């Protein structure tokens, strides 16, 4: 009924069409860029290595990431090899990947 009283209702002007086209292209480019970034970006918490330890442990909301580098990673790994709790058991393989595994000489771990 409204279209009969206002014949221009329901039709877009060329300017409006151009604005909608530009907005659609911008949205597509933004989502495409975010997708590419998500697929290709380096994950600093991905794997343990180079003196950094990343351990995923169960948490009340699903999971939590424990991340340590340098001296904090060394002390965390030393404590993990001395303890038998759930986090320590999960941390041991990651400590080995980071090059912070158990050693026969306790002073060798402190000199790294």
N, C-alpha and C. Protein backbone atom coordinates (compact mmCIF):
# COMPACT_ATOMS: atom_id res chain seq x y z
N UNK A 1 0.81 -1.18 0.00
CA UNK A 1 0.00 0.00 0.00
C UNK A 1 0.86 1.25 0.00
N UNK A 2 1.94 1.24 0.77
CA UNK A 2 2.81 2.40 0.86
C UNK A 2 3.46 2.69 -0.49
N UNK A 3 3.79 1.64 -1.24
CA UNK A 3 4.43 1.82 -2.54
C UNK A 3 3.51 2.54 -3.52
N UNK A 4 2.22 2.38 -3.35
CA UNK A 4 1.29 3.06 -4.26
C UNK A 4 1.22 4.55 -3.95
N UNK A 5 1.35 4.91 -2.70
CA UNK A 5 1.28 6.33 -2.36
C UNK A 5 2.62 7.02 -2.56
N UNK A 6 3.72 6.23 -2.52
CA UNK A 6 5.06 6.77 -2.72
C UNK A 6 5.76 5.89 -3.76
N UNK A 7 5.68 6.24 -5.03
CA UNK A 7 6.22 5.37 -6.08
C UNK A 7 7.74 5.15 -5.97
N UNK A 8 8.47 6.02 -5.30
CA UNK A 8 9.92 5.86 -5.18
C UNK A 8 10.30 4.89 -4.05
N UNK A 9 9.35 4.52 -3.20
CA UNK A 9 9.63 3.62 -2.09
C UNK A 9 9.96 2.23 -2.65
N UNK A 10 11.00 1.60 -2.07
CA UNK A 10 11.38 0.26 -2.51
C UNK A 10 12.45 0.26 -3.59
N UNK A 11 12.72 1.39 -4.19
CA UNK A 11 13.76 1.48 -5.21
C UNK A 11 14.92 2.28 -4.66
N UNK A 12 16.11 1.81 -4.97
CA UNK A 12 17.31 2.50 -4.53
C UNK A 12 17.83 3.40 -5.64
N UNK A 13 18.34 4.53 -5.22
CA UNK A 13 18.96 5.43 -6.18
C UNK A 13 20.33 4.86 -6.54
N UNK A 14 20.91 5.28 -7.65
CA UNK A 14 22.25 4.83 -7.99
C UNK A 14 23.27 5.13 -6.89
N UNK A 15 23.11 6.26 -6.22
CA UNK A 15 24.03 6.61 -5.12
C UNK A 15 23.89 5.62 -3.96
N UNK A 16 22.65 5.25 -3.61
CA UNK A 16 22.43 4.28 -2.53
C UNK A 16 22.99 2.91 -2.91
N UNK A 17 22.81 2.53 -4.16
CA UNK A 17 23.36 1.24 -4.63
C UNK A 17 24.88 1.23 -4.51
N UNK A 18 25.50 2.35 -4.88
CA UNK A 18 26.94 2.46 -4.79
C UNK A 18 27.41 2.38 -3.33
N UNK A 19 26.72 3.03 -2.42
CA UNK A 19 27.06 2.99 -1.00
C UNK A 19 26.95 1.57 -0.46
N UNK A 20 25.86 0.86 -0.80
CA UNK A 20 25.71 -0.52 -0.36
C UNK A 20 26.78 -1.43 -0.95
N UNK A 21 27.15 -1.21 -2.19
CA UNK A 21 28.20 -2.02 -2.81
C UNK A 21 29.55 -1.79 -2.11
N UNK A 22 29.87 -0.53 -1.83
CA UNK A 22 31.12 -0.21 -1.14
C UNK A 22 31.12 -0.83 0.26
N UNK A 23 30.01 -0.72 0.97
CA UNK A 23 29.92 -1.30 2.31
C UNK A 23 30.09 -2.82 2.26
N UNK A 24 29.49 -3.47 1.27
CA UNK A 24 29.62 -4.92 1.13
C UNK A 24 31.06 -5.31 0.86
N UNK A 25 31.74 -4.58 -0.01
CA UNK A 25 33.14 -4.87 -0.32
C UNK A 25 34.01 -4.68 0.92
N UNK A 26 33.77 -3.63 1.68
CA UNK A 26 34.53 -3.39 2.90
C UNK A 26 34.34 -4.53 3.90
N UNK A 27 33.10 -4.97 4.09
CA UNK A 27 32.82 -6.08 5.02
C UNK A 27 33.52 -7.35 4.55
N UNK A 28 33.46 -7.65 3.26
CA UNK A 28 34.11 -8.84 2.72
C UNK A 28 35.62 -8.77 2.89
N UNK A 29 36.22 -7.62 2.62
CA UNK A 29 37.67 -7.47 2.77
C UNK A 29 38.08 -7.60 4.24
N UNK A 30 37.31 -7.02 5.15
CA UNK A 30 37.64 -7.12 6.58
C UNK A 30 37.56 -8.57 7.04
N UNK A 31 36.47 -9.27 6.71
CA UNK A 31 36.35 -10.67 7.12
C UNK A 31 37.40 -11.54 6.44
N UNK A 32 37.72 -11.26 5.19
CA UNK A 32 38.77 -12.01 4.51
C UNK A 32 40.13 -11.79 5.16
N UNK A 33 40.41 -10.55 5.54
CA UNK A 33 41.67 -10.25 6.23
C UNK A 33 41.76 -10.92 7.59
N UNK A 34 40.67 -10.90 8.34
CA UNK A 34 40.66 -11.55 9.65
C UNK A 34 40.83 -13.07 9.51
N UNK A 35 40.21 -13.64 8.49
CA UNK A 35 40.36 -15.08 8.25
C UNK A 35 41.80 -15.42 7.90
N UNK A 36 42.40 -14.65 7.01
CA UNK A 36 43.80 -14.89 6.62
C UNK A 36 44.73 -14.72 7.82
N UNK A 37 44.50 -13.71 8.62
CA UNK A 37 45.32 -13.50 9.82
C UNK A 37 45.18 -14.67 10.78
N UNK A 38 43.95 -15.14 10.98
CA UNK A 38 43.73 -16.27 11.87
C UNK A 38 44.39 -17.55 11.39
N UNK A 39 44.44 -17.74 10.10
CA UNK A 39 45.05 -18.94 9.55
C UNK A 39 46.57 -18.87 9.50
N UNK A 40 47.12 -17.70 9.27
CA UNK A 40 48.55 -17.58 9.01
C UNK A 40 49.37 -17.00 10.16
N UNK A 41 48.73 -16.42 11.15
CA UNK A 41 49.46 -15.77 12.24
C UNK A 41 50.20 -16.80 13.09
N UNK A 42 51.36 -16.40 13.56
CA UNK A 42 52.18 -17.26 14.41
C UNK A 42 51.55 -17.35 15.79
N UNK A 43 51.44 -18.55 16.30
CA UNK A 43 50.88 -18.78 17.63
C UNK A 43 52.02 -18.90 18.63
N UNK A 44 52.22 -17.87 19.44
CA UNK A 44 53.34 -17.89 20.39
C UNK A 44 53.14 -18.90 21.52
N UNK A 45 51.90 -19.34 21.73
CA UNK A 45 51.63 -20.32 22.76
C UNK A 45 51.42 -21.71 22.17
N UNK A 46 51.79 -21.92 20.93
CA UNK A 46 51.53 -23.19 20.25
C UNK A 46 52.28 -24.37 20.82
N UNK A 47 53.58 -24.36 20.73
CA UNK A 47 54.37 -25.50 21.20
C UNK A 47 55.51 -24.99 22.09
N UNK A 48 55.99 -25.90 22.90
CA UNK A 48 57.12 -25.56 23.76
C UNK A 48 58.41 -25.66 22.96
N UNK A 49 59.36 -24.83 23.28
CA UNK A 49 60.66 -24.87 22.62
C UNK A 49 61.46 -23.63 22.92
N UNK A 50 62.77 -23.72 22.67
CA UNK A 50 63.67 -22.58 22.84
C UNK A 50 63.60 -21.98 24.25
N UNK A 51 63.50 -22.84 25.25
CA UNK A 51 63.50 -22.35 26.62
C UNK A 51 62.17 -21.85 27.13
N UNK A 52 61.10 -22.00 26.33
CA UNK A 52 59.76 -21.60 26.76
C UNK A 52 58.88 -22.84 26.88
N UNK A 53 58.05 -22.86 27.92
CA UNK A 53 57.18 -24.01 28.19
C UNK A 53 55.73 -23.55 28.09
N UNK A 54 54.93 -24.30 27.34
CA UNK A 54 53.50 -24.05 27.21
C UNK A 54 52.77 -25.34 27.57
N UNK A 55 51.94 -25.28 28.58
CA UNK A 55 51.21 -26.46 29.03
C UNK A 55 49.73 -26.10 29.12
N UNK A 56 48.88 -26.92 28.51
CA UNK A 56 47.44 -26.75 28.63
C UNK A 56 46.96 -27.66 29.74
N UNK A 57 46.32 -27.09 30.73
CA UNK A 57 45.85 -27.85 31.88
C UNK A 57 44.34 -27.68 32.02
N UNK A 58 43.67 -28.70 32.57
CA UNK A 58 42.22 -28.58 32.79
C UNK A 58 41.92 -27.45 33.78
N UNK A 59 40.82 -26.79 33.53
CA UNK A 59 40.43 -25.68 34.38
C UNK A 59 38.91 -25.72 34.55
N UNK A 60 38.37 -24.89 35.40
CA UNK A 60 36.92 -24.89 35.65
C UNK A 60 36.13 -24.48 34.42
N UNK A 61 36.71 -23.68 33.55
CA UNK A 61 35.99 -23.23 32.36
C UNK A 61 36.46 -23.94 31.11
N UNK A 62 37.12 -25.06 31.24
CA UNK A 62 37.56 -25.83 30.08
C UNK A 62 39.05 -26.09 30.12
N UNK A 63 39.84 -25.10 29.84
CA UNK A 63 41.29 -25.28 29.82
C UNK A 63 42.00 -23.98 30.07
N UNK A 64 43.23 -24.09 30.50
CA UNK A 64 44.05 -22.92 30.78
C UNK A 64 45.45 -23.19 30.26
N UNK A 65 46.11 -22.15 29.80
CA UNK A 65 47.48 -22.29 29.28
C UNK A 65 48.46 -21.74 30.30
N UNK A 66 49.44 -22.56 30.65
CA UNK A 66 50.52 -22.13 31.52
C UNK A 66 51.70 -21.84 30.61
N UNK A 67 52.25 -20.63 30.65
CA UNK A 67 53.33 -20.22 29.75
C UNK A 67 54.44 -19.58 30.56
N UNK A 68 55.64 -20.17 30.46
CA UNK A 68 56.81 -19.62 31.14
C UNK A 68 57.99 -19.63 30.19
N UNK A 69 58.86 -18.65 30.33
CA UNK A 69 60.11 -18.58 29.56
C UNK A 69 61.26 -18.25 30.52
N UNK A 70 62.47 -18.63 30.09
CA UNK A 70 63.67 -18.27 30.84
C UNK A 70 63.77 -18.92 32.20
N UNK A 71 64.12 -18.11 33.20
CA UNK A 71 64.33 -18.64 34.55
C UNK A 71 63.04 -19.17 35.15
N UNK A 72 61.91 -18.56 34.82
CA UNK A 72 60.63 -19.06 35.32
C UNK A 72 60.35 -20.45 34.77
N UNK A 73 60.68 -20.68 33.49
CA UNK A 73 60.49 -21.99 32.88
C UNK A 73 61.40 -23.02 33.52
N UNK A 74 62.64 -22.65 33.80
CA UNK A 74 63.58 -23.58 34.45
C UNK A 74 63.07 -24.01 35.83
N UNK A 75 62.64 -23.05 36.64
CA UNK A 75 62.17 -23.40 37.98
C UNK A 75 60.85 -24.18 37.90
N UNK A 76 59.98 -23.84 36.95
CA UNK A 76 58.73 -24.59 36.77
C UNK A 76 59.02 -26.04 36.38
N UNK A 77 59.96 -26.25 35.47
CA UNK A 77 60.30 -27.60 35.04
C UNK A 77 60.99 -28.40 36.15
N UNK A 78 61.86 -27.75 36.89
CA UNK A 78 62.50 -28.44 38.01
C UNK A 78 61.46 -28.90 39.02
N UNK A 79 60.50 -28.05 39.31
CA UNK A 79 59.43 -28.42 40.25
C UNK A 79 58.55 -29.52 39.65
N UNK A 80 58.34 -29.49 38.35
CA UNK A 80 57.50 -30.51 37.70
C UNK A 80 58.12 -31.89 37.78
N UNK A 81 59.44 -31.98 37.68
CA UNK A 81 60.09 -33.28 37.74
C UNK A 81 60.23 -33.79 39.18
N UNK A 82 60.01 -32.90 40.16
CA UNK A 82 60.06 -33.32 41.56
C UNK A 82 58.68 -33.73 42.08
N UNK A 83 57.61 -33.23 41.45
CA UNK A 83 56.24 -33.47 41.94
C UNK A 83 55.54 -34.55 41.14
N UNK A 84 54.42 -35.01 41.67
CA UNK A 84 53.62 -36.04 41.01
C UNK A 84 52.18 -35.58 40.75
N UNK A 85 51.90 -34.29 40.87
CA UNK A 85 50.54 -33.81 40.66
C UNK A 85 50.20 -33.78 39.17
N UNK A 86 48.94 -33.53 38.87
CA UNK A 86 48.43 -33.57 37.49
C UNK A 86 49.15 -32.57 36.58
N UNK A 87 49.33 -31.35 37.03
CA UNK A 87 50.00 -30.33 36.22
C UNK A 87 51.45 -30.72 35.95
N UNK A 88 52.13 -31.24 36.96
CA UNK A 88 53.52 -31.64 36.79
C UNK A 88 53.65 -32.76 35.77
N UNK A 89 52.74 -33.72 35.82
CA UNK A 89 52.79 -34.83 34.87
C UNK A 89 52.54 -34.35 33.44
N UNK A 90 51.65 -33.38 33.27
CA UNK A 90 51.39 -32.83 31.94
C UNK A 90 52.55 -31.94 31.46
N UNK A 91 53.26 -31.34 32.39
CA UNK A 91 54.32 -30.40 32.04
C UNK A 91 55.61 -31.09 31.62
N UNK A 92 55.86 -32.28 32.10
CA UNK A 92 57.14 -32.95 31.83
C UNK A 92 57.47 -33.10 30.35
N UNK A 93 56.55 -33.60 29.51
CA UNK A 93 56.90 -33.71 28.08
C UNK A 93 57.19 -32.34 27.44
N UNK A 94 56.47 -31.31 27.89
CA UNK A 94 56.69 -29.97 27.35
C UNK A 94 58.03 -29.40 27.80
N UNK A 95 58.44 -29.74 29.01
CA UNK A 95 59.75 -29.32 29.50
C UNK A 95 60.86 -29.97 28.68
N UNK A 96 60.68 -31.23 28.34
CA UNK A 96 61.67 -31.92 27.51
C UNK A 96 61.74 -31.26 26.13
N UNK A 97 60.58 -30.91 25.54
CA UNK A 97 60.57 -30.23 24.24
C UNK A 97 61.28 -28.88 24.30
N UNK A 98 61.16 -28.21 25.43
CA UNK A 98 61.79 -26.90 25.61
C UNK A 98 63.28 -27.00 25.92
N UNK A 99 63.76 -28.24 26.09
CA UNK A 99 65.18 -28.43 26.41
C UNK A 99 65.46 -28.24 27.89
N UNK A 100 64.43 -28.38 28.70
CA UNK A 100 64.58 -28.19 30.14
C UNK A 100 64.26 -29.45 30.91
N UNK A 101 64.63 -30.59 30.33
CA UNK A 101 64.36 -31.88 30.94
C UNK A 101 65.21 -32.12 32.16
N UNK A 102 64.96 -33.26 32.85
CA UNK A 102 65.73 -33.58 34.04
C UNK A 102 67.17 -33.88 33.67
N UNK A 103 68.06 -33.52 34.56
CA UNK A 103 69.48 -33.82 34.31
C UNK A 103 70.04 -34.53 35.54
N UNK A 104 71.09 -35.29 35.32
CA UNK A 104 71.72 -36.01 36.44
C UNK A 104 72.37 -35.05 37.41
N UNK A 105 72.89 -33.94 36.90
CA UNK A 105 73.57 -32.94 37.73
C UNK A 105 72.61 -31.79 38.00
N UNK A 106 72.15 -31.56 39.23
CA UNK A 106 71.21 -30.48 39.51
C UNK A 106 71.74 -29.11 39.18
N UNK A 107 73.04 -28.91 39.22
CA UNK A 107 73.60 -27.58 38.91
C UNK A 107 73.58 -27.32 37.42
N UNK A 108 73.44 -28.36 36.57
CA UNK A 108 73.42 -28.16 35.11
C UNK A 108 72.14 -27.41 34.71
N UNK A 109 71.03 -27.69 35.38
CA UNK A 109 69.79 -26.99 35.05
C UNK A 109 69.84 -25.52 35.42
N UNK A 110 70.59 -25.17 36.46
CA UNK A 110 70.68 -23.78 36.89
C UNK A 110 71.61 -22.96 36.01
N UNK A 111 72.52 -23.64 35.29
CA UNK A 111 73.48 -22.87 34.49
C UNK A 111 72.96 -22.55 33.10
N UNK A 112 71.81 -23.09 32.72
CA UNK A 112 71.28 -22.85 31.37
C UNK A 112 70.79 -21.45 31.22
